[in-house]
Amino acid sequence: MSRHFPDQTGFVPASEARIRQAATVMLLREGPQGPEVFMMKRTSRVDFGGLHVFPGGKVDPHDAHGEMARHCSGLTDAEASARLGLDEGGLAYYVAVVRECFEESGVLLAYGPDGSIIRARRPDWAAGLQALRDELNAGERSFREVCRSLDMQLAVDRVAYFSHWLTPEGPPRRYDTRFFVAAAPEQQEGLHDDSELVDSLWIRPADALDARRRGEIEMIFPTFTTLEVLADFDSAAGLLETVAAGGHLDRVTPDEVLAREGLQRPSGRGPVPEA
């Protein structure tokens, strides 16, 4: 049996790296000075530790079919796959967005039994959502059980596809990630889980970029590149309308962006540093 090892630079060829499918979502709301996006800081114990990110996580391919598919409102796997340029399995990305958003931020993108988006206008409702989230994160309930207990439909029809990123060759594990945008439900504020995420805030994209330039927060290339696009919009509603109409970025990687800017990867064949 052959075994493969990174070379002395730590570089792993693309054919030998593990690729993990993931989905992340930019939650948006209207702020007093323009659109605000929800961001969180990852603990140093996990991948991308110490960095500010959007809610997100890994995709479960089984979520495109079966019971979870029946909990999706207004979107079939065929329709979701067409939007993402896939033959099948696209719905699993939308389910991952809703699940990971709830686990990490406590914001639940779903419709209740009455067909309206779930809110937290009363303290006992907010406490109920928090209890479900705690049980989900503790492994005491599955996301399917949460869907059943609330008799809810996931609001995948309110989630719009934004862009597609594939991390560059080099690390032994690469991420194939779809970015989405969604309006935050009214009266759901969002809060980090105090486990994988240690801080959270609503912030204007331009302010987040300024904080990065001052060295106050750190981000990976796809995150701050995405924020640069979001910062061009004067309203969350206008941004969401543009993205829903198909105005998302093309599939991009750091290498392709550098090439468009006339730059080259530094010598050593390691991961591309932040610009």
Foldseek 3Di string as FASTA:
>chain_A
DDDDAAPPLQFDDPVQAAEFEKEFEWAWDADPQAIWTKWFAFDQVDPVHQAIDGFMDGFDLPCLDDPNQVLAPPDHQPRQCVQVVHPGSRVRRLVRHQVRQCLFWVFHQKAAPVRHGDAPPDPVSSVVSVVVSVCCNVVVDPVSVVCVVRVIHHHSVQKFWAEWEWFDTRHRYIYTYTYIYGYGDPHRDTFGPCPRTNGMDIGQLVVVVVCVVVVNHHHDAVVNVVSVVSNVDRYPVVVSVCRNVPNHDYHDYVQVVCVVVVHHADPSNHGRGHD
